[in-house]
Amino acid sequence: MPREEKSWEPVTIEDVKGLRATQGGALIVLIEGKTVAIPQALIDDDSEVWRPGDEGTLVIPEFLAIEKDLV
């Protein structure tokens, strides 16, 4: 069975708040009452949430949204 390719298609998630950054290069965000670590390198340029204190939309690749159970 062939391996599925990861989808890099951007996914927009609403009502996200940046909580804190980690030394490992992740941003801890609050989404629908749960905290999730998002690698900062995978946050899309169109995202409103980049750093702690930011609020708004988070734009990340589809494969990551699926992996983190956000879609």
Protein backbone atom coordinates (compact mmCIF):
# COMPACT_ATOMS: atom_id res chain seq x y z
CA MET A 1 0.00 0.00 0.00
CA PRO A 2 1.52 3.38 -0.94
CA ARG A 3 2.21 5.90 1.81
CA GLU A 4 -0.08 8.90 1.79
CA GLU A 5 1.53 12.27 1.13
CA LYS A 6 1.18 14.90 3.84
CA SER A 7 -1.12 17.72 2.81
CA TRP A 8 0.52 21.12 3.14
CA GLU A 9 -2.76 22.83 2.15
CA PRO A 10 -3.34 25.65 4.66
CA VAL A 11 -6.13 25.27 7.22
CA THR A 12 -7.54 28.26 9.11
CA ILE A 13 -8.59 27.81 12.74
CA GLU A 14 -10.61 30.60 14.37
CA ASP A 15 -10.56 31.97 17.93
CA VAL A 16 -7.02 30.97 18.86
CA LYS A 17 -4.92 32.58 21.60
CA GLY A 18 -1.13 32.36 21.82
CA LEU A 19 -0.17 31.47 25.40
CA ARG A 20 3.60 30.98 25.52
CA ALA A 21 6.63 30.03 23.45
CA THR A 22 8.84 27.06 24.24
CA GLN A 23 12.61 26.87 23.97
CA GLY A 24 12.09 24.12 21.41
CA GLY A 25 10.50 26.51 18.91
CA ALA A 26 6.82 25.78 19.52
CA LEU A 27 3.98 28.14 20.34
CA ILE A 28 1.54 26.89 22.95
CA VAL A 29 -1.93 27.98 21.90
CA LEU A 30 -5.43 27.73 23.36
CA ILE A 31 -8.01 26.31 20.96
CA GLU A 32 -11.53 25.49 22.13
CA GLY A 33 -10.43 25.08 25.74
CA LYS A 34 -7.41 22.87 25.08
CA THR A 35 -3.75 23.74 24.88
CA VAL A 36 -1.81 22.60 21.84
CA ALA A 37 1.86 22.95 20.89
CA ILE A 38 2.31 24.22 17.32
CA PRO A 39 5.81 24.33 15.80
CA GLN A 40 6.40 28.00 14.96
CA ALA A 41 8.15 27.00 11.73
CA LEU A 42 4.83 25.56 10.48
CA ILE A 43 2.69 28.65 11.16
CA ASP A 44 1.63 30.17 7.84
CA ASP A 45 2.45 33.77 6.91
CA ASP A 46 -1.31 34.52 6.78
CA SER A 47 -1.78 33.59 10.45
CA GLU A 48 -2.78 36.26 12.98
CA VAL A 49 -1.38 34.20 15.86
CA TRP A 50 2.44 34.15 15.92
CA ARG A 51 3.51 34.75 19.52
CA PRO A 52 2.21 34.81 23.11
CA GLY A 53 -0.63 37.30 23.52
CA ASP A 54 -1.73 37.14 19.87
CA GLU A 55 -5.40 36.30 19.28
CA GLY A 56 -7.29 35.50 16.09
CA THR A 57 -6.90 32.98 13.32
CA LEU A 58 -4.16 30.36 13.20
CA VAL A 59 -3.16 29.08 9.76
CA ILE A 60 -1.25 25.78 9.68
CA PRO A 61 -0.80 22.90 7.21
CA GLU A 62 -3.68 20.44 6.99
CA PHE A 63 -1.54 17.46 8.03
CA LEU A 64 -0.64 19.22 11.30
CA ALA A 65 -4.26 20.18 12.00
CA ILE A 66 -5.24 16.53 11.55
CA GLU A 67 -2.31 15.29 13.64
CA LYS A 68 -3.26 17.65 16.49
CA ASP A 69 -6.97 16.71 16.16
CA LEU A 70 -8.02 20.28 15.31
CA VAL A 71 -10.20 19.50 12.27
